[in-house]
């Protein structure tokens, strides 16, 4: 079974982004083994001077999860028209590596608007070499109106868009 690392770009407890990742992991549990990474707030601030042996343990763990995965699924909010600093920090810990080079990835931005962060997410992940499928990117605006209190997707168009994204993503693994 293929292994997918699902990275949550939010540090908020009960984040809608976390709910979306859990929903996808449950919906596709028969097609892939998901590891949810919700600890970006545990990574130290990126500093190129620290990007050498010995690396901080949390960075070693994060990098190993990426290396071990057949593909990476990201779901992040938008903060002030950009990616959350803690999420961007996590990705910066990979720039001196080839961890994302040719690694299949699927990207979701789920936020009130989300357009600017979505553009940034696509640019950043392409810059680190991630491989996006033809339908490997999804913007979910106003996600709180499209999920119930249990984190289940209740909006038919959003559910269909997630299915399309995941079918495309799984085909690239």
N, C-alpha and C. Protein backbone atom coordinates (compact mmCIF):
# COMPACT_ATOMS: atom_id res chain seq x y z
N UNK A 1 0.85 -1.18 0.00
CA UNK A 1 0.00 0.00 0.00
C UNK A 1 0.90 1.24 0.00
N UNK A 2 0.54 2.23 -0.81
CA UNK A 2 1.31 3.47 -0.90
C UNK A 2 1.17 4.27 0.39
N UNK A 3 2.25 5.00 0.72
CA UNK A 3 2.28 5.80 1.94
C UNK A 3 2.17 7.28 1.59
N UNK A 4 1.23 7.95 2.24
CA UNK A 4 1.02 9.38 2.03
C UNK A 4 1.26 10.12 3.34
N UNK A 5 2.11 11.13 3.27
CA UNK A 5 2.30 12.03 4.40
C UNK A 5 1.36 13.20 4.21
N UNK A 6 0.45 13.41 5.15
CA UNK A 6 -0.50 14.51 5.10
C UNK A 6 -0.05 15.58 6.08
N UNK A 7 0.35 16.73 5.56
CA UNK A 7 0.89 17.82 6.38
C UNK A 7 -0.18 18.89 6.56
N UNK A 8 -0.48 19.19 7.81
CA UNK A 8 -1.43 20.25 8.12
C UNK A 8 -0.67 21.56 8.29
N UNK A 9 -1.06 22.57 7.53
CA UNK A 9 -0.38 23.86 7.59
C UNK A 9 -0.87 24.77 8.69
N UNK A 10 -1.79 24.30 9.50
CA UNK A 10 -2.32 25.09 10.61
C UNK A 10 -1.85 24.51 11.93
N UNK A 11 -1.60 25.39 12.88
CA UNK A 11 -1.24 24.94 14.23
C UNK A 11 -2.45 24.99 15.18
N UNK A 12 -3.57 25.46 14.69
CA UNK A 12 -4.77 25.60 15.51
C UNK A 12 -5.37 24.23 15.84
N UNK A 13 -5.72 24.04 17.10
CA UNK A 13 -6.44 22.83 17.48
C UNK A 13 -7.79 22.84 16.78
N UNK A 14 -8.21 21.70 16.31
CA UNK A 14 -9.50 21.55 15.62
C UNK A 14 -9.59 22.42 14.37
N UNK A 15 -8.47 22.61 13.71
CA UNK A 15 -8.44 23.41 12.49
C UNK A 15 -9.25 22.73 11.39
N UNK A 16 -9.87 23.54 10.55
CA UNK A 16 -10.62 23.00 9.43
C UNK A 16 -9.67 22.25 8.48
N UNK A 17 -8.42 22.68 8.40
CA UNK A 17 -7.44 22.00 7.56
C UNK A 17 -7.15 20.60 8.09
N UNK A 18 -7.04 20.48 9.38
CA UNK A 18 -6.85 19.18 10.00
C UNK A 18 -8.08 18.29 9.76
N UNK A 19 -9.27 18.88 9.89
CA UNK A 19 -10.50 18.12 9.63
C UNK A 19 -10.53 17.59 8.20
N UNK A 20 -10.12 18.42 7.25
CA UNK A 20 -10.12 17.99 5.85
C UNK A 20 -9.15 16.83 5.66
N UNK A 21 -7.96 16.92 6.24
CA UNK A 21 -6.99 15.83 6.10
C UNK A 21 -7.49 14.54 6.74
N UNK A 22 -8.10 14.65 7.91
CA UNK A 22 -8.66 13.46 8.57
C UNK A 22 -9.79 12.86 7.71
N UNK A 23 -10.62 13.72 7.15
CA UNK A 23 -11.70 13.26 6.27
C UNK A 23 -11.12 12.48 5.09
N UNK A 24 -10.10 13.04 4.45
CA UNK A 24 -9.49 12.37 3.30
C UNK A 24 -8.84 11.05 3.72
N UNK A 25 -8.11 11.07 4.83
CA UNK A 25 -7.45 9.84 5.30
C UNK A 25 -8.47 8.74 5.57
N UNK A 26 -9.60 9.10 6.15
CA UNK A 26 -10.65 8.10 6.40
C UNK A 26 -11.29 7.63 5.10
N UNK A 27 -11.56 8.55 4.21
CA UNK A 27 -12.22 8.22 2.95
C UNK A 27 -11.35 7.34 2.06
N UNK A 28 -10.03 7.51 2.13
CA UNK A 28 -9.12 6.78 1.25
C UNK A 28 -8.24 5.77 1.99
N UNK A 29 -8.67 5.36 3.17
CA UNK A 29 -7.88 4.42 3.97
C UNK A 29 -7.66 3.08 3.28
N UNK A 30 -8.54 2.71 2.38
CA UNK A 30 -8.38 1.44 1.66
C UNK A 30 -7.46 1.56 0.45
N UNK A 31 -7.06 2.78 0.13
CA UNK A 31 -6.21 3.00 -1.05
C UNK A 31 -4.78 3.41 -0.71
N UNK A 32 -4.57 3.93 0.51
CA UNK A 32 -3.23 4.38 0.91
C UNK A 32 -3.15 4.42 2.43
N UNK A 33 -1.92 4.33 2.92
CA UNK A 33 -1.67 4.46 4.36
C UNK A 33 -1.27 5.91 4.63
N UNK A 34 -2.05 6.59 5.46
CA UNK A 34 -1.82 8.00 5.74
C UNK A 34 -1.11 8.19 7.06
N UNK A 35 -0.14 9.09 7.07
CA UNK A 35 0.49 9.58 8.29
C UNK A 35 0.18 11.06 8.36
N UNK A 36 -0.54 11.49 9.40
CA UNK A 36 -0.86 12.90 9.54
C UNK A 36 0.21 13.59 10.38
N UNK A 37 0.77 14.65 9.82
CA UNK A 37 1.78 15.43 10.52
C UNK A 37 1.16 16.76 10.91
N UNK A 38 0.94 16.92 12.21
CA UNK A 38 0.31 18.13 12.73
C UNK A 38 1.21 18.78 13.79
N UNK A 39 2.51 18.74 13.53
CA UNK A 39 3.47 19.25 14.52
C UNK A 39 4.43 20.28 13.94
N UNK A 40 3.97 21.06 12.96
CA UNK A 40 4.88 22.05 12.39
C UNK A 40 5.32 23.07 13.43
N UNK A 41 4.50 23.26 14.46
CA UNK A 41 4.86 24.21 15.51
C UNK A 41 5.99 23.70 16.40
N UNK A 42 6.37 22.44 16.26
CA UNK A 42 7.46 21.87 17.05
C UNK A 42 8.83 22.04 16.38
N UNK A 43 8.82 22.47 15.12
CA UNK A 43 10.09 22.67 14.41
C UNK A 43 10.70 23.99 14.84
N UNK A 44 12.03 24.03 15.02
CA UNK A 44 12.67 25.31 15.37
C UNK A 44 12.60 26.28 14.19
N UNK A 45 12.78 27.55 14.49
CA UNK A 45 12.84 28.54 13.41
C UNK A 45 13.98 28.17 12.49
N UNK A 46 13.71 28.20 11.19
CA UNK A 46 14.74 27.84 10.22
C UNK A 46 15.89 28.83 10.29
N UNK A 47 17.10 28.26 10.32
CA UNK A 47 18.33 29.04 10.31
C UNK A 47 19.33 28.23 9.51
N UNK A 48 19.82 28.75 8.40
CA UNK A 48 20.78 27.98 7.60
C UNK A 48 21.99 27.51 8.40
N UNK A 49 22.35 28.24 9.45
CA UNK A 49 23.48 27.82 10.28
C UNK A 49 23.19 26.53 11.04
N UNK A 50 21.91 26.26 11.28
CA UNK A 50 21.53 25.03 11.99
C UNK A 50 21.28 23.87 11.03
N UNK A 51 21.29 24.16 9.73
CA UNK A 51 20.99 23.14 8.72
C UNK A 51 22.23 22.33 8.39
N UNK A 52 22.80 21.73 9.44
CA UNK A 52 24.00 20.90 9.32
C UNK A 52 23.99 19.93 10.49
N UNK A 53 24.81 18.90 10.38
CA UNK A 53 24.89 17.93 11.47
C UNK A 53 25.49 18.57 12.70
N UNK A 54 24.96 18.33 13.86
CA UNK A 54 23.75 17.54 14.11
C UNK A 54 22.49 18.41 13.95
N UNK A 55 21.55 17.90 13.20
CA UNK A 55 20.27 18.58 13.01
C UNK A 55 19.40 18.43 14.25
N UNK A 56 18.52 19.39 14.50
CA UNK A 56 17.55 19.22 15.58
C UNK A 56 16.71 17.96 15.33
N UNK A 57 16.40 17.24 16.39
CA UNK A 57 15.66 15.98 16.28
C UNK A 57 14.33 16.11 15.57
N UNK A 58 13.62 17.21 15.82
CA UNK A 58 12.32 17.39 15.16
C UNK A 58 12.48 17.55 13.65
N UNK A 59 13.57 18.15 13.23
CA UNK A 59 13.84 18.32 11.80
C UNK A 59 14.18 16.97 11.17
N UNK A 60 14.99 16.19 11.86
CA UNK A 60 15.33 14.84 11.37
C UNK A 60 14.05 14.03 11.18
N UNK A 61 13.17 14.07 12.17
CA UNK A 61 11.91 13.32 12.11
C UNK A 61 11.05 13.79 10.94
N UNK A 62 10.88 15.09 10.79
CA UNK A 62 10.07 15.66 9.71
C UNK A 62 10.63 15.26 8.35
N UNK A 63 11.93 15.39 8.18
CA UNK A 63 12.55 15.02 6.90
C UNK A 63 12.39 13.53 6.62
N UNK A 64 12.50 12.70 7.65
CA UNK A 64 12.36 11.26 7.46
C UNK A 64 10.95 10.89 7.02
N UNK A 65 9.96 11.57 7.59
CA UNK A 65 8.57 11.32 7.18
C UNK A 65 8.38 11.63 5.70
N UNK A 66 8.96 12.73 5.25
CA UNK A 66 8.85 13.09 3.83
C UNK A 66 9.56 12.06 2.97
N UNK A 67 10.77 11.68 3.38
CA UNK A 67 11.54 10.71 2.61
C UNK A 67 10.82 9.37 2.49
N UNK A 68 10.20 8.93 3.57
CA UNK A 68 9.53 7.63 3.60
C UNK A 68 8.21 7.60 2.83
N UNK A 69 7.64 8.76 2.57
CA UNK A 69 6.34 8.82 1.91
C UNK A 69 6.47 8.66 0.40
N UNK A 70 5.48 8.00 -0.17
CA UNK A 70 5.40 7.92 -1.63
C UNK A 70 4.86 9.22 -2.22
N UNK A 71 4.11 9.95 -1.42
CA UNK A 71 3.55 11.23 -1.85
C UNK A 71 3.19 12.07 -0.64
N UNK A 72 3.04 13.37 -0.87
CA UNK A 72 2.74 14.31 0.21
C UNK A 72 1.47 15.08 -0.12
N UNK A 73 0.55 15.10 0.83
CA UNK A 73 -0.70 15.85 0.73
C UNK A 73 -0.62 16.99 1.73
N UNK A 74 -0.84 18.21 1.26
CA UNK A 74 -0.76 19.38 2.13
C UNK A 74 -2.11 20.07 2.15
N UNK A 75 -2.54 20.48 3.34
CA UNK A 75 -3.74 21.30 3.48
C UNK A 75 -3.40 22.44 4.44
N UNK A 76 -3.52 23.67 3.95
CA UNK A 76 -3.09 24.82 4.74
C UNK A 76 -4.09 25.97 4.63
N UNK A 77 -4.15 26.79 5.67
CA UNK A 77 -4.97 28.00 5.59
C UNK A 77 -4.17 29.15 4.96
N UNK A 78 -4.81 30.29 4.89
CA UNK A 78 -4.16 31.53 4.48
C UNK A 78 -4.18 32.47 5.67
N UNK A 79 -3.03 33.05 5.97
CA UNK A 79 -2.94 34.07 7.01
C UNK A 79 -2.41 35.35 6.37
N UNK A 80 -3.16 36.41 6.44
CA UNK A 80 -2.78 37.72 5.91
C UNK A 80 -2.29 37.60 4.47
N UNK A 81 -3.09 36.95 3.64
CA UNK A 81 -2.82 36.80 2.21
C UNK A 81 -1.56 36.00 1.89
N UNK A 82 -1.16 35.12 2.78
CA UNK A 82 0.05 34.33 2.55
C UNK A 82 -0.05 33.00 3.28
N UNK A 83 1.00 32.20 3.13
CA UNK A 83 1.09 30.94 3.86
C UNK A 83 1.38 31.23 5.33
N UNK A 84 0.89 30.40 6.23
CA UNK A 84 1.24 30.56 7.64
C UNK A 84 2.75 30.45 7.83
N UNK A 85 3.31 31.30 8.68
CA UNK A 85 4.75 31.31 8.90
C UNK A 85 5.28 29.97 9.37
N UNK A 86 4.55 29.29 10.24
CA UNK A 86 5.02 28.00 10.75
C UNK A 86 5.06 26.94 9.65
N UNK A 87 4.11 27.00 8.70
CA UNK A 87 4.14 26.06 7.59
C UNK A 87 5.31 26.37 6.65
N UNK A 88 5.47 27.64 6.32
CA UNK A 88 6.59 28.04 5.45
C UNK A 88 7.91 27.65 6.09
N UNK A 89 8.01 27.82 7.40
CA UNK A 89 9.21 27.43 8.14
C UNK A 89 9.49 25.94 7.96
N UNK A 90 8.45 25.12 8.03
CA UNK A 90 8.63 23.67 7.86
C UNK A 90 9.20 23.35 6.49
N UNK A 91 8.65 23.98 5.46
CA UNK A 91 9.14 23.74 4.10
C UNK A 91 10.57 24.24 3.95
N UNK A 92 10.90 25.35 4.60
CA UNK A 92 12.27 25.88 4.52
C UNK A 92 13.29 24.89 5.07
N UNK A 93 12.88 24.03 6.00
CA UNK A 93 13.80 23.02 6.52
C UNK A 93 14.12 21.94 5.48
N UNK A 94 13.47 21.98 4.33
CA UNK A 94 13.73 20.99 3.29
C UNK A 94 14.49 21.56 2.09
N UNK A 95 14.70 22.87 2.04
CA UNK A 95 15.25 23.47 0.82
C UNK A 95 16.68 23.04 0.51
N UNK A 96 17.43 22.64 1.49
CA UNK A 96 18.82 22.20 1.23
C UNK A 96 18.88 20.72 0.88
N UNK A 97 17.72 20.10 0.73
CA UNK A 97 17.65 18.67 0.43
C UNK A 97 16.99 18.48 -0.94
N UNK A 98 16.88 17.24 -1.32
CA UNK A 98 16.12 16.90 -2.53
C UNK A 98 14.87 16.09 -2.16
N UNK A 99 14.41 16.26 -0.93
CA UNK A 99 13.28 15.46 -0.44
C UNK A 99 12.02 15.60 -1.29
N UNK A 100 11.76 16.79 -1.79
CA UNK A 100 10.56 17.00 -2.58
C UNK A 100 10.80 16.85 -4.08
N UNK A 101 12.05 16.70 -4.49
CA UNK A 101 12.35 16.58 -5.91
C UNK A 101 11.66 15.35 -6.50
N UNK A 102 10.79 15.60 -7.45
CA UNK A 102 10.00 14.55 -8.12
C UNK A 102 9.07 13.77 -7.18
N UNK A 103 8.82 14.30 -6.00
CA UNK A 103 7.89 13.66 -5.06
C UNK A 103 6.46 14.07 -5.44
N UNK A 104 5.59 13.11 -5.71
CA UNK A 104 4.20 13.47 -6.00
C UNK A 104 3.58 14.22 -4.82
N UNK A 105 2.84 15.26 -5.14
CA UNK A 105 2.21 16.07 -4.10
C UNK A 105 0.83 16.52 -4.56
N UNK A 106 -0.04 16.72 -3.59
CA UNK A 106 -1.36 17.30 -3.82
C UNK A 106 -1.53 18.42 -2.81
N UNK A 107 -2.05 19.54 -3.28
CA UNK A 107 -2.10 20.75 -2.46
C UNK A 107 -3.52 21.25 -2.29
N UNK A 108 -3.88 21.52 -1.04
CA UNK A 108 -5.18 22.10 -0.74
C UNK A 108 -4.96 23.34 0.11
N UNK A 109 -5.60 24.42 -0.28
CA UNK A 109 -5.66 25.61 0.56
C UNK A 109 -7.11 25.76 0.97
N UNK A 110 -7.36 25.80 2.27
CA UNK A 110 -8.72 25.92 2.79
C UNK A 110 -8.75 27.11 3.74
N UNK A 111 -9.38 28.19 3.29
CA UNK A 111 -9.39 29.41 4.07
C UNK A 111 -10.53 30.30 3.60
N UNK A 112 -10.82 31.35 4.34
CA UNK A 112 -11.92 32.24 3.99
C UNK A 112 -11.87 32.64 2.53
N UNK A 113 -10.74 33.15 2.09
CA UNK A 113 -10.52 33.43 0.67
C UNK A 113 -9.52 32.41 0.16
N UNK A 114 -8.25 32.61 0.52
CA UNK A 114 -7.23 31.61 0.24
C UNK A 114 -6.48 31.74 -1.06
N UNK A 115 -6.90 32.64 -1.95
CA UNK A 115 -6.30 32.71 -3.28
C UNK A 115 -4.81 33.02 -3.24
N UNK A 116 -4.40 34.00 -2.46
CA UNK A 116 -2.98 34.40 -2.43
C UNK A 116 -2.11 33.29 -1.83
N UNK A 117 -2.57 32.68 -0.75
CA UNK A 117 -1.81 31.57 -0.15
C UNK A 117 -1.75 30.40 -1.11
N UNK A 118 -2.83 30.17 -1.85
CA UNK A 118 -2.86 29.06 -2.80
C UNK A 118 -1.83 29.27 -3.91
N UNK A 119 -1.75 30.49 -4.41
CA UNK A 119 -0.74 30.81 -5.42
C UNK A 119 0.65 30.60 -4.85
N UNK A 120 0.87 31.05 -3.63
CA UNK A 120 2.17 30.91 -2.98
C UNK A 120 2.51 29.44 -2.73
N UNK A 121 1.53 28.67 -2.27
CA UNK A 121 1.75 27.25 -2.02
C UNK A 121 2.19 26.53 -3.29
N UNK A 122 1.51 26.80 -4.39
CA UNK A 122 1.88 26.18 -5.66
C UNK A 122 3.28 26.57 -6.08
N UNK A 123 3.62 27.85 -5.95
CA UNK A 123 4.95 28.33 -6.32
C UNK A 123 6.03 27.70 -5.44
N UNK A 124 5.82 27.70 -4.13
CA UNK A 124 6.81 27.15 -3.21
C UNK A 124 7.04 25.66 -3.47
N UNK A 125 5.97 24.91 -3.64
CA UNK A 125 6.13 23.46 -3.83
C UNK A 125 6.75 23.13 -5.19
N UNK A 126 6.44 23.90 -6.21
CA UNK A 126 7.11 23.69 -7.50
C UNK A 126 8.58 24.06 -7.39
N UNK A 127 8.89 25.08 -6.61
CA UNK A 127 10.28 25.51 -6.43
C UNK A 127 11.12 24.43 -5.76
N UNK A 128 10.54 23.71 -4.80
CA UNK A 128 11.30 22.64 -4.13
C UNK A 128 11.25 21.34 -4.92
N UNK A 129 10.59 21.35 -6.07
CA UNK A 129 10.64 20.20 -6.98
C UNK A 129 9.51 19.21 -6.87
N UNK A 130 8.48 19.53 -6.08
CA UNK A 130 7.35 18.60 -5.96
C UNK A 130 6.65 18.45 -7.30
N UNK A 131 6.15 17.26 -7.54
CA UNK A 131 5.45 16.98 -8.79
C UNK A 131 3.94 16.98 -8.55
N UNK A 132 3.28 17.93 -9.19
CA UNK A 132 1.83 18.03 -9.06
C UNK A 132 1.17 17.41 -10.28
N UNK A 133 0.13 16.65 -10.03
CA UNK A 133 -0.64 16.10 -11.14
C UNK A 133 -1.41 17.19 -11.84
N UNK A 134 -2.06 16.83 -12.92
CA UNK A 134 -2.84 17.80 -13.70
C UNK A 134 -3.90 18.48 -12.84
N UNK A 135 -4.46 17.74 -11.89
CA UNK A 135 -5.50 18.28 -11.01
C UNK A 135 -5.02 18.23 -9.56
N UNK A 136 -3.73 18.52 -9.35
CA UNK A 136 -3.10 18.33 -8.05
C UNK A 136 -3.20 19.48 -7.09
N UNK A 137 -4.10 20.43 -7.36
CA UNK A 137 -4.19 21.61 -6.52
C UNK A 137 -5.65 22.01 -6.37
N UNK A 138 -6.06 22.32 -5.14
CA UNK A 138 -7.46 22.63 -4.87
C UNK A 138 -7.56 23.78 -3.88
N UNK A 139 -8.36 24.78 -4.22
CA UNK A 139 -8.66 25.89 -3.32
C UNK A 139 -10.09 25.70 -2.81
N UNK A 140 -10.22 25.63 -1.48
CA UNK A 140 -11.54 25.53 -0.85
C UNK A 140 -11.77 26.84 -0.09
N UNK A 141 -12.52 27.75 -0.69
CA UNK A 141 -12.84 29.01 -0.02
C UNK A 141 -14.02 28.80 0.92
N UNK A 142 -14.03 29.53 2.02
CA UNK A 142 -15.09 29.44 3.04
C UNK A 142 -15.33 28.00 3.48
N UNK A 143 -14.29 27.27 3.88
CA UNK A 143 -14.45 25.85 4.21
C UNK A 143 -15.37 25.56 5.39
N UNK A 144 -15.50 26.50 6.31
CA UNK A 144 -16.35 26.24 7.47
C UNK A 144 -17.81 26.10 7.09
N UNK A 145 -18.16 26.57 5.90
CA UNK A 145 -19.55 26.42 5.42
C UNK A 145 -19.72 25.11 4.66
N UNK A 146 -18.64 24.35 4.51
CA UNK A 146 -18.67 23.15 3.68
C UNK A 146 -18.38 21.87 4.46
N UNK A 147 -18.17 22.02 5.78
CA UNK A 147 -17.94 20.88 6.66
C UNK A 147 -18.89 20.98 7.84
N UNK A 148 -19.24 19.82 8.41
CA UNK A 148 -20.06 19.85 9.61
C UNK A 148 -19.16 19.89 10.85
N UNK A 149 -19.77 19.86 12.01
CA UNK A 149 -19.01 19.97 13.27
C UNK A 149 -18.09 18.78 13.50
N UNK A 150 -18.35 17.66 12.83
CA UNK A 150 -17.50 16.48 12.95
C UNK A 150 -16.38 16.46 11.92
N UNK A 151 -16.30 17.52 11.12
CA UNK A 151 -15.24 17.59 10.12
C UNK A 151 -15.55 16.87 8.83
N UNK A 152 -16.77 16.42 8.66
CA UNK A 152 -17.16 15.74 7.43
C UNK A 152 -17.57 16.76 6.37
N UNK A 153 -17.13 16.54 5.14
CA UNK A 153 -17.48 17.43 4.05
C UNK A 153 -18.96 17.24 3.72
N UNK A 154 -19.72 18.34 3.78
CA UNK A 154 -21.15 18.29 3.53
C UNK A 154 -21.55 18.95 2.21
N UNK A 155 -20.65 19.69 1.61
CA UNK A 155 -20.92 20.37 0.35
C UNK A 155 -20.57 19.44 -0.81
N UNK A 156 -21.55 19.16 -1.66
CA UNK A 156 -21.37 18.18 -2.75
C UNK A 156 -20.27 18.60 -3.72
N UNK A 157 -20.20 19.88 -4.06
CA UNK A 157 -19.18 20.34 -5.00
C UNK A 157 -17.78 20.19 -4.41
N UNK A 158 -17.65 20.48 -3.12
CA UNK A 158 -16.35 20.33 -2.45
C UNK A 158 -15.97 18.86 -2.37
N UNK A 159 -16.91 18.01 -2.04
CA UNK A 159 -16.64 16.56 -1.99
C UNK A 159 -16.19 16.06 -3.35
N UNK A 160 -16.84 16.51 -4.41
CA UNK A 160 -16.47 16.09 -5.76
C UNK A 160 -15.08 16.60 -6.13
N UNK A 161 -14.76 17.83 -5.73
CA UNK A 161 -13.44 18.39 -6.02
C UNK A 161 -12.34 17.64 -5.28
N UNK A 162 -12.60 17.26 -4.03
CA UNK A 162 -11.63 16.47 -3.27
C UNK A 162 -11.43 15.11 -3.92
N UNK A 163 -12.51 14.49 -4.35
CA UNK A 163 -12.41 13.19 -5.03
C UNK A 163 -11.57 13.31 -6.30
N UNK A 164 -11.81 14.35 -7.07
CA UNK A 164 -11.04 14.57 -8.30
C UNK A 164 -9.56 14.77 -8.00
N UNK A 165 -9.26 15.58 -6.99
CA UNK A 165 -7.88 15.82 -6.58
C UNK A 165 -7.22 14.51 -6.14
N UNK A 166 -7.90 13.76 -5.28
CA UNK A 166 -7.31 12.54 -4.74
C UNK A 166 -7.16 11.45 -5.79
N UNK A 167 -8.11 11.33 -6.69
CA UNK A 167 -7.98 10.34 -7.76
C UNK A 167 -6.77 10.66 -8.63
N UNK A 168 -6.59 11.94 -8.94
CA UNK A 168 -5.43 12.37 -9.73
C UNK A 168 -4.13 12.10 -8.96
N UNK A 169 -4.12 12.45 -7.68
CA UNK A 169 -2.94 12.27 -6.83
C UNK A 169 -2.57 10.80 -6.71
N UNK A 170 -3.54 9.97 -6.39
CA UNK A 170 -3.27 8.54 -6.22
C UNK A 170 -2.75 7.90 -7.51
N UNK A 171 -3.20 8.41 -8.64
CA UNK A 171 -2.73 7.88 -9.93
C UNK A 171 -1.27 8.21 -10.19
N UNK A 172 -0.74 9.24 -9.51
CA UNK A 172 0.67 9.62 -9.72
C UNK A 172 1.62 8.85 -8.81
N UNK A 173 1.08 8.14 -7.82
CA UNK A 173 1.94 7.43 -6.87
C UNK A 173 2.47 6.14 -7.45
